[in-house]
Amino acid sequence: MSIVQSKRHSKYIGQFGEAIVCNMLSRSNFEVMLVDHVGIDVIARRSDVGRIGISVKSRTRDTEKNEQSSINLLRSEDAHLEEVCQEWELEPWIAVYVETQSQADLYLTSLQNFRDKSFRQ
């Protein structure tokens, strides 16, 4: 069965992804706040980790159409994440929330870890 999305679905899935990230961090003893700023969606702090700034990417994947299609994490405008984090003394992190009709996944990692793992040859 296909997922039928409303015209405003991308807005709602984005807000839902941000809320899921906040929930999971809060459950892991982080102090968390949503921010409305270019390049950054969430700021979180925990004493053993420090202060992190998170860019959240959220997508719905229809099992019949695009479940296997990729999510572009680092586009040119995402350089704002690093700029904001440097200015505000935060470590840049990324979060990806992807849902299909039957399941959902949440990935959260530092930008440095993502680059170390993603760009190996």
PDB file of N, CA and C in Angstrom:
ATOM      1  N   MET A   1       0.846  -1.184   0.000  1.00  0.00           N
ATOM      2  CA  MET A   1       0.000   0.000   0.000  1.00  0.00           C
ATOM      3  C   MET A   1       0.885   1.239   0.000  1.00  0.00           C
ATOM      4  N   SER A   2       0.514   2.218  -0.721  1.00  0.00           N
ATOM      5  CA  SER A   2       1.278   3.441  -0.882  1.00  0.00           C
ATOM      6  C   SER A   2       0.967   4.455   0.225  1.00  0.00           C
ATOM      7  N   ILE A   3       1.962   5.260   0.575  1.00  0.00           N
ATOM      8  CA  ILE A   3       1.761   6.356   1.517  1.00  0.00           C
ATOM      9  C   ILE A   3       1.275   7.565   0.727  1.00  0.00           C
ATOM     10  N   VAL A   4       0.165   8.134   1.127  1.00  0.00           N
ATOM     11  CA  VAL A   4      -0.369   9.319   0.472  1.00  0.00           C
ATOM     12  C   VAL A   4      -0.102  10.503   1.396  1.00  0.00           C
ATOM     13  N   GLN A   5       0.669  11.478   0.904  1.00  0.00           N
ATOM     14  CA  GLN A   5       1.084  12.604   1.730  1.00  0.00           C
ATOM     15  C   GLN A   5       0.270  13.856   1.406  1.00  0.00           C
ATOM     16  N   SER A   6      -0.040  14.618   2.442  1.00  0.00           N
ATOM     17  CA  SER A   6      -0.724  15.892   2.241  1.00  0.00           C
ATOM     18  C   SER A   6       0.267  16.908   1.667  1.00  0.00           C
ATOM     19  N   LYS A   7      -0.238  18.018   1.240  1.00  0.00           N
ATOM     20  CA  LYS A   7       0.603  19.079   0.682  1.00  0.00           C
ATOM     21  C   LYS A   7       1.551  19.658   1.724  1.00  0.00           C
ATOM     22  N   ARG A   8       1.222  19.555   2.984  1.00  0.00           N
ATOM     23  CA  ARG A   8       2.046  20.119   4.063  1.00  0.00           C
ATOM     24  C   ARG A   8       2.873  19.052   4.781  1.00  0.00           C
ATOM     25  N   HIS A   9       2.910  17.856   4.219  1.00  0.00           N
ATOM     26  CA  HIS A   9       3.585  16.753   4.898  1.00  0.00           C
ATOM     27  C   HIS A   9       5.061  17.040   5.176  1.00  0.00           C
ATOM     28  N   SER A  10       5.765  17.649   4.260  1.00  0.00           N
ATOM     29  CA  SER A  10       7.196  17.888   4.487  1.00  0.00           C
ATOM     30  C   SER A  10       7.421  18.784   5.706  1.00  0.00           C
ATOM     31  N   LYS A  11       6.532  19.737   5.921  1.00  0.00           N
ATOM     32  CA  LYS A  11       6.634  20.581   7.121  1.00  0.00           C
ATOM     33  C   LYS A  11       6.422  19.742   8.375  1.00  0.00           C
ATOM     34  N   TYR A  12       5.410  18.886   8.364  1.00  0.00           N
ATOM     35  CA  TYR A  12       5.083  18.095   9.543  1.00  0.00           C
ATOM     36  C   TYR A  12       6.133  17.034   9.838  1.00  0.00           C
ATOM     37  N   ILE A  13       6.668  16.404   8.814  1.00  0.00           N
ATOM     38  CA  ILE A  13       7.692  15.385   9.050  1.00  0.00           C
ATOM     39  C   ILE A  13       8.969  16.048   9.581  1.00  0.00           C
ATOM     40  N   GLY A  14       9.245  17.262   9.127  1.00  0.00           N
ATOM     41  CA  GLY A  14      10.398  17.996   9.652  1.00  0.00           C
ATOM     42  C   GLY A  14      10.240  18.306  11.134  1.00  0.00           C
ATOM     43  N   GLN A  15       9.068  18.794  11.511  1.00  0.00           N
ATOM     44  CA  GLN A  15       8.805  19.097  12.917  1.00  0.00           C
ATOM     45  C   GLN A  15       8.803  17.825  13.766  1.00  0.00           C
ATOM     46  N   PHE A  16       8.265  16.751  13.224  1.00  0.00           N
ATOM     47  CA  PHE A  16       8.225  15.492  13.943  1.00  0.00           C
ATOM     48  C   PHE A  16       9.635  14.962  14.161  1.00  0.00           C
ATOM     49  N   GLY A  17      10.485  15.031  13.137  1.00  0.00           N
ATOM     50  CA  GLY A  17      11.870  14.586  13.271  1.00  0.00           C
ATOM     51  C   GLY A  17      12.606  15.363  14.349  1.00  0.00           C
ATOM     52  N   GLU A  18      12.416  16.667  14.379  1.00  0.00           N
ATOM     53  CA  GLU A  18      13.043  17.491  15.410  1.00  0.00           C
ATOM     54  C   GLU A  18      12.544  17.094  16.799  1.00  0.00           C
ATOM     55  N   ALA A  19      11.250  16.836  16.923  1.00  0.00           N
ATOM     56  CA  ALA A  19      10.679  16.436  18.216  1.00  0.00           C
ATOM     57  C   ALA A  19      11.209  15.069  18.651  1.00  0.00           C
ATOM     58  N   ILE A  20      11.354  14.142  17.720  1.00  0.00           N
ATOM     59  CA  ILE A  20      11.898  12.810  18.051  1.00  0.00           C
ATOM     60  C   ILE A  20      13.337  12.940  18.551  1.00  0.00           C
ATOM     61  N   VAL A  21      14.137  13.765  17.877  1.00  0.00           N
ATOM     62  CA  VAL A  21      15.527  13.973  18.293  1.00  0.00           C
ATOM     63  C   VAL A  21      15.547  14.559  19.710  1.00  0.00           C
ATOM     64  N   CYS A  22      14.731  15.570  19.966  1.00  0.00           N
ATOM     65  CA  CYS A  22      14.671  16.166  21.311  1.00  0.00           C
ATOM     66  C   CYS A  22      14.252  15.137  22.347  1.00  0.00           C
ATOM     67  N   ASN A  23      13.260  14.329  22.016  1.00  0.00           N
ATOM     68  CA  ASN A  23      12.792  13.299  22.944  1.00  0.00           C
ATOM     69  C   ASN A  23      13.904  12.309  23.270  1.00  0.00           C
ATOM     70  N   MET A  24      14.584  11.800  22.267  1.00  0.00           N
ATOM     71  CA  MET A  24      15.623  10.799  22.508  1.00  0.00           C
ATOM     72  C   MET A  24      16.796  11.394  23.298  1.00  0.00           C
ATOM     73  N   LEU A  25      17.173  12.620  22.986  1.00  0.00           N
ATOM     74  CA  LEU A  25      18.252  13.252  23.744  1.00  0.00           C
ATOM     75  C   LEU A  25      17.837  13.501  25.189  1.00  0.00           C
ATOM     76  N   SER A  26      16.621  13.978  25.392  1.00  0.00           N
ATOM     77  CA  SER A  26      16.124  14.230  26.740  1.00  0.00           C
ATOM     78  C   SER A  26      16.090  12.941  27.553  1.00  0.00           C
ATOM     79  N   ARG A  27      15.734  11.842  26.921  1.00  0.00           N
ATOM     80  CA  ARG A  27      15.713  10.535  27.592  1.00  0.00           C
ATOM     81  C   ARG A  27      17.123  10.040  27.897  1.00  0.00           C
ATOM     82  N   SER A  28      18.123  10.684  27.285  1.00  0.00           N
ATOM     83  CA  SER A  28      19.525  10.323  27.527  1.00  0.00           C
ATOM     84  C   SER A  28      20.228  11.368  28.386  1.00  0.00           C
ATOM     85  N   ASN A  29      19.443  12.117  29.155  1.00  0.00           N
ATOM     86  CA  ASN A  29      19.939  13.094  30.129  1.00  0.00           C
ATOM     87  C   ASN A  29      20.587  14.329  29.514  1.00  0.00           C
ATOM     88  N   PHE A  30      20.232  14.669  28.287  1.00  0.00           N
ATOM     89  CA  PHE A  30      20.668  15.928  27.688  1.00  0.00           C
ATOM     90  C   PHE A  30      19.653  17.005  28.032  1.00  0.00           C
ATOM     91  N   GLU A  31      20.127  18.223  28.223  1.00  0.00           N
ATOM     92  CA  GLU A  31      19.251  19.392  28.245  1.00  0.00           C
ATOM     93  C   GLU A  31      19.127  19.816  26.788  1.00  0.00           C
ATOM     94  N   VAL A  32      17.907  20.062  26.327  1.00  0.00           N
ATOM     95  CA  VAL A  32      17.656  20.223  24.894  1.00  0.00           C
ATOM     96  C   VAL A  32      16.778  21.439  24.646  1.00  0.00           C
ATOM     97  N   MET A  33      17.048  22.131  23.529  1.00  0.00           N
ATOM     98  CA  MET A  33      16.124  23.176  23.082  1.00  0.00           C
ATOM     99  C   MET A  33      16.081  23.214  21.558  1.00  0.00           C
ATOM    100  N   LEU A  34      14.884  23.436  21.058  1.00  0.00           N
ATOM    101  CA  LEU A  34      14.687  23.659  19.626  1.00  0.00           C
ATOM    102  C   LEU A  34      15.088  25.085  19.307  1.00  0.00           C
ATOM    103  N   VAL A  35      15.734  25.273  18.171  1.00  0.00           N
ATOM    104  CA  VAL A  35      16.072  26.620  17.728  1.00  0.00           C
ATOM    105  C   VAL A  35      15.618  26.792  16.284  1.00  0.00           C
ATOM    106  N   ASP A  36      15.288  27.995  15.929  1.00  0.00           N
ATOM    107  CA  ASP A  36      14.864  28.315  14.573  1.00  0.00           C
ATOM    108  C   ASP A  36      15.954  29.184  13.960  1.00  0.00           C
ATOM    109  N   HIS A  37      16.970  28.533  13.435  1.00  0.00           N
ATOM    110  CA  HIS A  37      18.117  29.248  12.888  1.00  0.00           C
ATOM    111  C   HIS A  37      18.608  28.529  11.645  1.00  0.00           C
ATOM    112  N   VAL A  38      19.124  29.262  10.696  1.00  0.00           N
ATOM    113  CA  VAL A  38      19.642  28.659   9.476  1.00  0.00           C
ATOM    114  C   VAL A  38      20.782  27.701   9.824  1.00  0.00           C
ATOM    115  N   GLY A  39      20.648  26.439   9.408  1.00  0.00           N
ATOM    116  CA  GLY A  39      21.708  25.458   9.590  1.00  0.00           C
ATOM    117  C   GLY A  39      21.631  24.630  10.846  1.00  0.00           C
ATOM    118  N   ILE A  40      20.798  25.019  11.791  1.00  0.00           N
ATOM    119  CA  ILE A  40      20.759  24.293  13.069  1.00  0.00           C
ATOM    120  C   ILE A  40      19.310  24.230  13.566  1.00  0.00           C
ATOM    121  N   ASP A  41      18.959  23.062  14.086  1.00  0.00           N
ATOM    122  CA  ASP A  41      17.588  22.840  14.549  1.00  0.00           C
ATOM    123  C   ASP A  41      17.484  22.611  16.050  1.00  0.00           C
ATOM    124  N   VAL A  42      18.523  22.021  16.645  1.00  0.00           N
ATOM    125  CA  VAL A  42      18.488  21.630  18.051  1.00  0.00           C
ATOM    126  C   VAL A  42      19.840  21.951  18.683  1.00  0.00           C
ATOM    127  N   ILE A  43      19.796  22.444  19.905  1.00  0.00           N
ATOM    128  CA  ILE A  43      21.004  22.580  20.726  1.00  0.00           C
ATOM    129  C   ILE A  43      20.806  21.684  21.930  1.00  0.00           C
ATOM    130  N   ALA A  44      21.846  20.912  22.249  1.00  0.00           N
ATOM    131  CA  ALA A  44      21.759  19.997  23.383  1.00  0.00           C
ATOM    132  C   ALA A  44      23.055  20.058  24.182  1.00  0.00           C
ATOM    133  N   ARG A  45      22.937  19.738  25.482  1.00  0.00           N
ATOM    134  CA  ARG A  45      24.112  19.760  26.352  1.00  0.00           C
ATOM    135  C   ARG A  45      24.002  18.646  27.383  1.00  0.00           C
ATOM    136  N   ARG A  46      25.129  17.972  27.569  1.00  0.00           N
ATOM    137  CA  ARG A  46      25.276  17.005  28.651  1.00  0.00           C
ATOM    138  C   ARG A  46      26.708  17.124  29.138  1.00  0.00           C
ATOM    139  N   SER A  47      26.934  17.021  30.432  1.00  0.00           N
ATOM    140  CA  SER A  47      28.247  17.322  31.007  1.00  0.00           C
ATOM    141  C   SER A  47      29.382  16.495  30.406  1.00  0.00           C
ATOM    142  N   ASP A  48      29.147  15.232  30.106  1.00  0.00           N
ATOM    143  CA  ASP A  48      30.221  14.394  29.572  1.00  0.00           C
ATOM    144  C   ASP A  48      30.410  14.525  28.067  1.00  0.00           C
ATOM    145  N   VAL A  49      29.480  15.169  27.387  1.00  0.00           N
ATOM    146  CA  VAL A  49      29.551  15.337  25.927  1.00  0.00           C
ATOM    147  C   VAL A  49      29.865  16.778  25.558  1.00  0.00           C
ATOM    148  N   GLY A  50      29.329  17.715  26.308  1.00  0.00           N
ATOM    149  CA  GLY A  50      29.474  19.126  25.988  1.00  0.00           C
ATOM    150  C   GLY A  50      28.250  19.640  25.255  1.00  0.00           C
ATOM    151  N   ARG A  51      28.428  20.764  24.587  1.00  0.00           N
ATOM    152  CA  ARG A  51      27.327  21.414  23.866  1.00  0.00           C
ATOM    153  C   ARG A  51      27.393  21.032  22.395  1.00  0.00           C
ATOM    154  N   ILE A  52      26.261  20.575  21.856  1.00  0.00           N
ATOM    155  CA  ILE A  52      26.221  20.176  20.456  1.00  0.00           C
ATOM    156  C   ILE A  52      25.107  20.918  19.731  1.00  0.00           C
ATOM    157  N   GLY A  53      25.357  21.216  18.475  1.00  0.00           N
ATOM    158  CA  GLY A  53      24.363  21.820  17.596  1.00  0.00           C
ATOM    159  C   GLY A  53      24.000  20.799  16.531  1.00  0.00           C
ATOM    160  N   ILE A  54      22.710  20.567  16.330  1.00  0.00           N
ATOM    161  CA  ILE A  54      22.268  19.469  15.474  1.00  0.00           C
ATOM    162  C   ILE A  54      21.413  19.989  14.320  1.00  0.00           C
ATOM    163  N   SER A  55      21.766  19.538  13.122  1.00  0.00           N
ATOM    164  CA  SER A  55      20.936  19.733  11.943  1.00  0.00           C
ATOM    165  C   SER A  55      20.143  18.448  11.745  1.00  0.00           C
ATOM    166  N   VAL A  56      18.815  18.558  11.680  1.00  0.00           N
ATOM    167  CA  VAL A  56      17.944  17.384  11.569  1.00  0.00           C
ATOM    168  C   VAL A  56      17.386  17.296  10.151  1.00  0.00           C
ATOM    169  N   LYS A  57      17.523  16.124   9.543  1.00  0.00           N
ATOM    170  CA  LYS A  57      16.937  15.829   8.236  1.00  0.00           C
ATOM    171  C   LYS A  57      15.879  14.761   8.448  1.00  0.00           C
ATOM    172  N   SER A  58      14.667  15.003   7.955  1.00  0.00           N
ATOM    173  CA  SER A  58      13.562  14.061   8.134  1.00  0.00           C
ATOM    174  C   SER A  58      12.908  13.778   6.793  1.00  0.00           C
ATOM    175  N   ARG A  59      12.614  12.508   6.543  1.00  0.00           N
ATOM    176  CA  ARG A  59      12.005  12.115   5.278  1.00  0.00           C
ATOM    177  C   ARG A  59      11.024  10.976   5.491  1.00  0.00           C
ATOM    178  N   THR A  60      10.006  10.945   4.638  1.00  0.00           N
ATOM    179  CA  THR A  60       9.104   9.809   4.537  1.00  0.00           C
ATOM    180  C   THR A  60       9.417   9.116   3.225  1.00  0.00           C
ATOM    181  N   ARG A  61       9.604   7.814   3.275  1.00  0.00           N
ATOM    182  CA  ARG A  61       9.904   7.029   2.091  1.00  0.00           C
ATOM    183  C   ARG A  61       8.760   6.059   1.830  1.00  0.00           C
ATOM    184  N   ASP A  62       8.181   6.171   0.649  1.00  0.00           N
ATOM    185  CA  ASP A  62       7.100   5.296   0.223  1.00  0.00           C
ATOM    186  C   ASP A  62       7.710   3.983  -0.246  1.00  0.00           C
ATOM    187  N   THR A  63       7.232   2.889   0.306  1.00  0.00           N
ATOM    188  CA  THR A  63       7.823   1.588  -0.012  1.00  0.00           C
ATOM    189  C   THR A  63       7.712   1.239  -1.490  1.00  0.00           C
ATOM    190  N   GLU A  64       6.704   1.716  -2.170  1.00  0.00           N
ATOM    191  CA  GLU A  64       6.538   1.374  -3.584  1.00  0.00           C
ATOM    192  C   GLU A  64       7.310   2.296  -4.511  1.00  0.00           C
ATOM    193  N   LYS A  65       7.668   3.483  -4.056  1.00  0.00           N
ATOM    194  CA  LYS A  65       8.270   4.460  -4.964  1.00  0.00           C
ATOM    195  C   LYS A  65       9.731   4.736  -4.665  1.00  0.00           C
ATOM    196  N   ASN A  66      10.055   5.153  -3.457  1.00  0.00           N
ATOM    197  CA  ASN A  66      11.406   5.668  -3.221  1.00  0.00           C
ATOM    198  C   ASN A  66      12.040   5.234  -1.915  1.00  0.00           C
ATOM    199  N   GLU A  67      11.658   4.075  -1.405  1.00  0.00           N
ATOM    200  CA  GLU A  67      12.213   3.626  -0.133  1.00  0.00           C
ATOM    201  C   GLU A  67      13.732   3.512  -0.175  1.00  0.00           C
ATOM    202  N   GLN A  68      14.282   3.154  -1.312  1.00  0.00           N
ATOM    203  CA  GLN A  68      15.723   2.963  -1.420  1.00  0.00           C
ATOM    204  C   GLN A  68      16.469   4.231  -1.846  1.00  0.00           C
ATOM    205  N   SER A  69      15.767   5.322  -2.119  1.00  0.00           N
ATOM    206  CA  SER A  69      16.449   6.533  -2.569  1.00  0.00           C
ATOM    207  C   SER A  69      17.207   7.184  -1.415  1.00  0.00           C
ATOM    208  N   SER A  70      18.280   7.859  -1.765  1.00  0.00           N
ATOM    209  CA  SER A  70      19.165   8.427  -0.754  1.00  0.00           C
ATOM    210  C   SER A  70      18.633   9.752  -0.208  1.00  0.00           C
ATOM    211  N   ILE A  71      19.225  10.163   0.904  1.00  0.00           N
ATOM    212  CA  ILE A  71      18.949  11.464   1.507  1.00  0.00           C
ATOM    213  C   ILE A  71      20.232  12.267   1.410  1.00  0.00           C
ATOM    214  N   ASN A  72      20.149  13.439   0.814  1.00  0.00           N
ATOM    215  CA  ASN A  72      21.322  14.296   0.698  1.00  0.00           C
ATOM    216  C   ASN A  72      21.555  15.003   2.023  1.00  0.00           C
ATOM    217  N   LEU A  73      22.632  14.616   2.707  1.00  0.00           N
ATOM    218  CA  LEU A  73      22.906  15.184   4.020  1.00  0.00           C
ATOM    219  C   LEU A  73      23.705  16.466   3.950  1.00  0.00           C
ATOM    220  N   LEU A  74      24.680  16.514   3.118  1.00  0.00           N
ATOM    221  CA  LEU A  74      25.600  17.644   3.122  1.00  0.00           C
ATOM    222  C   LEU A  74      25.543  18.392   1.798  1.00  0.00           C
ATOM    223  N   ARG A  75      24.578  19.249   1.696  1.00  0.00           N
ATOM    224  CA  ARG A  75      24.471  20.118   0.533  1.00  0.00           C
ATOM    225  C   ARG A  75      25.216  21.408   0.847  1.00  0.00           C
ATOM    226  N   SER A  76      25.379  22.237  -0.134  1.00  0.00           N
ATOM    227  CA  SER A  76      26.171  23.461   0.057  1.00  0.00           C
ATOM    228  C   SER A  76      25.610  24.345   1.165  1.00  0.00           C
ATOM    229  N   GLU A  77      24.287  24.423   1.301  1.00  0.00           N
ATOM    230  CA  GLU A  77      23.728  25.282   2.348  1.00  0.00           C
ATOM    231  C   GLU A  77      23.927  24.707   3.744  1.00  0.00           C
ATOM    232  N   ASP A  78      24.286  23.433   3.836  1.00  0.00           N
ATOM    233  CA  ASP A  78      24.520  22.829   5.138  1.00  0.00           C
ATOM    234  C   ASP A  78      25.832  23.281   5.765  1.00  0.00           C
ATOM    235  N   ALA A  79      26.633  24.025   5.021  1.00  0.00           N
ATOM    236  CA  ALA A  79      27.838  24.612   5.610  1.00  0.00           C
ATOM    237  C   ALA A  79      27.457  25.566   6.735  1.00  0.00           C
ATOM    238  N   HIS A  80      26.220  26.032   6.737  1.00  0.00           N
ATOM    239  CA  HIS A  80      25.740  26.908   7.811  1.00  0.00           C
ATOM    240  C   HIS A  80      25.833  26.216   9.167  1.00  0.00           C
ATOM    241  N   LEU A  81      25.654  24.897   9.196  1.00  0.00           N
ATOM    242  CA  LEU A  81      25.762  24.159  10.456  1.00  0.00           C
ATOM    243  C   LEU A  81      27.125  24.398  11.091  1.00  0.00           C
ATOM    244  N   GLU A  82      28.164  24.237  10.326  1.00  0.00           N
ATOM    245  CA  GLU A  82      29.511  24.430  10.869  1.00  0.00           C
ATOM    246  C   GLU A  82      29.756  25.882  11.268  1.00  0.00           C
ATOM    247  N   GLU A  83      29.277  26.814  10.471  1.00  0.00           N
ATOM    248  CA  GLU A  83      29.458  28.234  10.786  1.00  0.00           C
ATOM    249  C   GLU A  83      28.780  28.601  12.100  1.00  0.00           C
ATOM    250  N   VAL A  84      27.525  28.184  12.251  1.00  0.00           N
ATOM    251  CA  VAL A  84      26.776  28.499  13.474  1.00  0.00           C
ATOM    252  C   VAL A  84      27.425  27.835  14.674  1.00  0.00           C
ATOM    253  N   CYS A  85      27.821  26.580  14.517  1.00  0.00           N
ATOM    254  CA  CYS A  85      28.431  25.860  15.641  1.00  0.00           C
ATOM    255  C   CYS A  85      29.752  26.492  16.053  1.00  0.00           C
ATOM    256  N   GLN A  86      30.521  26.931  15.094  1.00  0.00           N
ATOM    257  CA  GLN A  86      31.782  27.590  15.439  1.00  0.00           C
ATOM    258  C   GLN A  86      31.503  28.909  16.164  1.00  0.00           C
ATOM    259  N   GLU A  87      30.558  29.672  15.653  1.00  0.00           N
ATOM    260  CA  GLU A  87      30.211  30.965  16.260  1.00  0.00           C
ATOM    261  C   GLU A  87      29.671  30.798  17.676  1.00  0.00           C
ATOM    262  N   TRP A  88      28.879  29.751  17.909  1.00  0.00           N
ATOM    263  CA  TRP A  88      28.245  29.544  19.208  1.00  0.00           C
ATOM    264  C   TRP A  88      28.988  28.539  20.082  1.00  0.00           C
ATOM    265  N   GLU A  89      30.154  28.108  19.645  1.00  0.00           N
ATOM    266  CA  GLU A  89      30.991  27.156  20.390  1.00  0.00           C
ATOM    267  C   GLU A  89      30.253  25.850  20.685  1.00  0.00           C
ATOM    268  N   LEU A  90      29.710  25.261  19.628  1.00  0.00           N
ATOM    269  CA  LEU A  90      29.008  23.980  19.692  1.00  0.00           C
ATOM    270  C   LEU A  90      29.747  22.975  18.809  1.00  0.00           C
ATOM    271  N   GLU A  91      29.640  21.705  19.128  1.00  0.00           N
ATOM    272  CA  GLU A  91      30.163  20.673  18.234  1.00  0.00           C
ATOM    273  C   GLU A  91      29.062  20.335  17.227  1.00  0.00           C
ATOM    274  N   PRO A  92      29.351  20.366  15.925  1.00  0.00           N
ATOM    275  CA  PRO A  92      28.312  20.088  14.925  1.00  0.00           C
ATOM    276  C   PRO A  92      27.962  18.603  14.847  1.00  0.00           C
ATOM    277  N   TRP A  93      26.681  18.317  14.893  1.00  0.00           N
ATOM    278  CA  TRP A  93      26.155  16.964  14.771  1.00  0.00           C
ATOM    279  C   TRP A  93      25.054  16.965  13.716  1.00  0.00           C
ATOM    280  N   ILE A  94      24.739  15.784  13.219  1.00  0.00           N
ATOM    281  CA  ILE A  94      23.611  15.636  12.301  1.00  0.00           C
ATOM    282  C   ILE A  94      22.711  14.512  12.793  1.00  0.00           C
ATOM    283  N   ALA A  95      21.431  14.657  12.519  1.00  0.00           N
ATOM    284  CA  ALA A  95      20.441  13.631  12.838  1.00  0.00           C
ATOM    285  C   ALA A  95      19.621  13.371  11.583  1.00  0.00           C
ATOM    286  N   VAL A  96      19.302  12.114  11.361  1.00  0.00           N
ATOM    287  CA  VAL A  96      18.474  11.730  10.220  1.00  0.00           C
ATOM    288  C   VAL A  96      17.338  10.855  10.738  1.00  0.00           C
ATOM    289  N   TYR A  97      16.111  11.285  10.457  1.00  0.00           N
ATOM    290  CA  TYR A  97      14.927  10.498  10.789  1.00  0.00           C
ATOM    291  C   TYR A  97      14.275  10.105   9.470  1.00  0.00           C
ATOM    292  N   VAL A  98      14.114   8.794   9.255  1.00  0.00           N
ATOM    293  CA  VAL A  98      13.496   8.285   8.029  1.00  0.00           C
ATOM    294  C   VAL A  98      12.402   7.309   8.417  1.00  0.00           C
ATOM    295  N   GLU A  99      11.211   7.533   7.854  1.00  0.00           N
ATOM    296  CA  GLU A  99      10.108   6.622   8.117  1.00  0.00           C
ATOM    297  C   GLU A  99       9.593   6.042   6.815  1.00  0.00           C
ATOM    298  N   THR A 100       9.127   4.793   6.906  1.00  0.00           N
ATOM    299  CA  THR A 100       8.423   4.152   5.810  1.00  0.00           C
ATOM    300  C   THR A 100       7.048   3.778   6.342  1.00  0.00           C
ATOM    301  N   GLN A 101       6.312   3.070   5.558  1.00  0.00           N
ATOM    302  CA  GLN A 101       4.971   2.686   5.990  1.00  0.00           C
ATOM    303  C   GLN A 101       5.008   1.788   7.226  1.00  0.00           C
ATOM    304  N   SER A 102       6.047   0.975   7.371  1.00  0.00           N
ATOM    305  CA  SER A 102       6.048  -0.008   8.448  1.00  0.00           C
ATOM    306  C   SER A 102       7.113   0.202   9.520  1.00  0.00           C
ATOM    307  N   GLN A 103       8.042   1.133   9.336  1.00  0.00           N
ATOM    308  CA  GLN A 103       9.082   1.322  10.346  1.00  0.00           C
ATOM    309  C   GLN A 103       9.687   2.709  10.241  1.00  0.00           C
ATOM    310  N   ALA A 104      10.517   3.034  11.237  1.00  0.00           N
ATOM    311  CA  ALA A 104      11.222   4.317  11.231  1.00  0.00           C
ATOM    312  C   ALA A 104      12.604   4.108  11.838  1.00  0.00           C
ATOM    313  N   ASP A 105      13.555   4.911  11.381  1.00  0.00           N
ATOM    314  CA  ASP A 105      14.918   4.856  11.892  1.00  0.00           C
ATOM    315  C   ASP A 105      15.376   6.265  12.233  1.00  0.00           C
ATOM    316  N   LEU A 106      16.173   6.365  13.303  1.00  0.00           N
ATOM    317  CA  LEU A 106      16.769   7.628  13.704  1.00  0.00           C
ATOM    318  C   LEU A 106      18.263   7.417  13.853  1.00  0.00           C
ATOM    319  N   TYR A 107      19.034   8.247  13.186  1.00  0.00           N
ATOM    320  CA  TYR A 107      20.493   8.205  13.266  1.00  0.00           C
ATOM    321  C   TYR A 107      20.972   9.549  13.804  1.00  0.00           C
ATOM    322  N   LEU A 108      21.924   9.497  14.730  1.00  0.00           N
ATOM    323  CA  LEU A 108      22.463  10.710  15.321  1.00  0.00           C
ATOM    324  C   LEU A 108      23.953  10.516  15.505  1.00  0.00           C
ATOM    325  N   THR A 109      24.748  11.423  14.944  1.00  0.00           N
ATOM    326  CA  THR A 109      26.199  11.308  15.056  1.00  0.00           C
ATOM    327  C   THR A 109      26.839  12.672  14.885  1.00  0.00           C
ATOM    328  N   SER A 110      28.071  12.764  15.333  1.00  0.00           N
ATOM    329  CA  SER A 110      28.793  14.018  15.116  1.00  0.00           C
ATOM    330  C   SER A 110      29.100  14.165  13.634  1.00  0.00           C
ATOM    331  N   LEU A 111      29.216  15.373  13.190  1.00  0.00           N
ATOM    332  CA  LEU A 111      29.556  15.630  11.795  1.00  0.00           C
ATOM    333  C   LEU A 111      30.925  15.030  11.474  1.00  0.00           C
ATOM    334  N   GLN A 112      31.851  15.116  12.417  1.00  0.00           N
ATOM    335  CA  GLN A 112      33.183  14.554  12.195  1.00  0.00           C
ATOM    336  C   GLN A 112      33.122  13.040  12.034  1.00  0.00           C
ATOM    337  N   ASN A 113      32.364  12.361  12.876  1.00  0.00           N
ATOM    338  CA  ASN A 113      32.225  10.908  12.758  1.00  0.00           C
ATOM    339  C   ASN A 113      31.585  10.536  11.425  1.00  0.00           C
ATOM    340  N   PHE A 114      30.559  11.281  11.028  1.00  0.00           N
ATOM    341  CA  PHE A 114      29.902  11.030   9.751  1.00  0.00           C
ATOM    342  C   PHE A 114      30.910  11.144   8.609  1.00  0.00           C
ATOM    343  N   ARG A 115      31.697  12.191   8.630  1.00  0.00           N
ATOM    344  CA  ARG A 115      32.690  12.371   7.565  1.00  0.00           C
ATOM    345  C   ARG A 115      33.757  11.280   7.598  1.00  0.00           C
ATOM    346  N   ASP A 116      34.207  10.919   8.784  1.00  0.00           N
ATOM    347  CA  ASP A 116      35.223   9.863   8.900  1.00  0.00           C
ATOM    348  C   ASP A 116      34.721   8.543   8.330  1.00  0.00           C
ATOM    349  N   LYS A 117      33.462   8.218   8.590  1.00  0.00           N
ATOM    350  CA  LYS A 117      32.903   6.938   8.146  1.00  0.00           C
ATOM    351  C   LYS A 117      32.395   6.973   6.706  1.00  0.00           C
ATOM    352  N   SER A 118      31.901   8.116   6.267  1.00  0.00           N
ATOM    353  CA  SER A 118      31.255   8.195   4.958  1.00  0.00           C
ATOM    354  C   SER A 118      32.208   8.371   3.796  1.00  0.00           C
ATOM    355  N   PHE A 119      33.301   9.000   4.025  1.00  0.00           N
ATOM    356  CA  PHE A 119      34.164   9.354   2.917  1.00  0.00           C
ATOM    357  C   PHE A 119      35.405   8.481   2.810  1.00  0.00           C
ATOM    358  N   ARG A 120      35.393   7.355   3.509  1.00  0.00           N
ATOM    359  CA  ARG A 120      36.511   6.412   3.374  1.00  0.00           C
ATOM    360  C   ARG A 120      36.434   5.749   2.013  1.00  0.00           C
ATOM    361  N   GLN A 121      37.610   5.424   1.483  1.00  0.00           N
ATOM    362  CA  GLN A 121      37.620   4.736   0.191  1.00  0.00           C
ATOM    363  C   GLN A 121      38.266   3.399   0.300  1.00  0.00           C
TER     364      GLN A 121
END
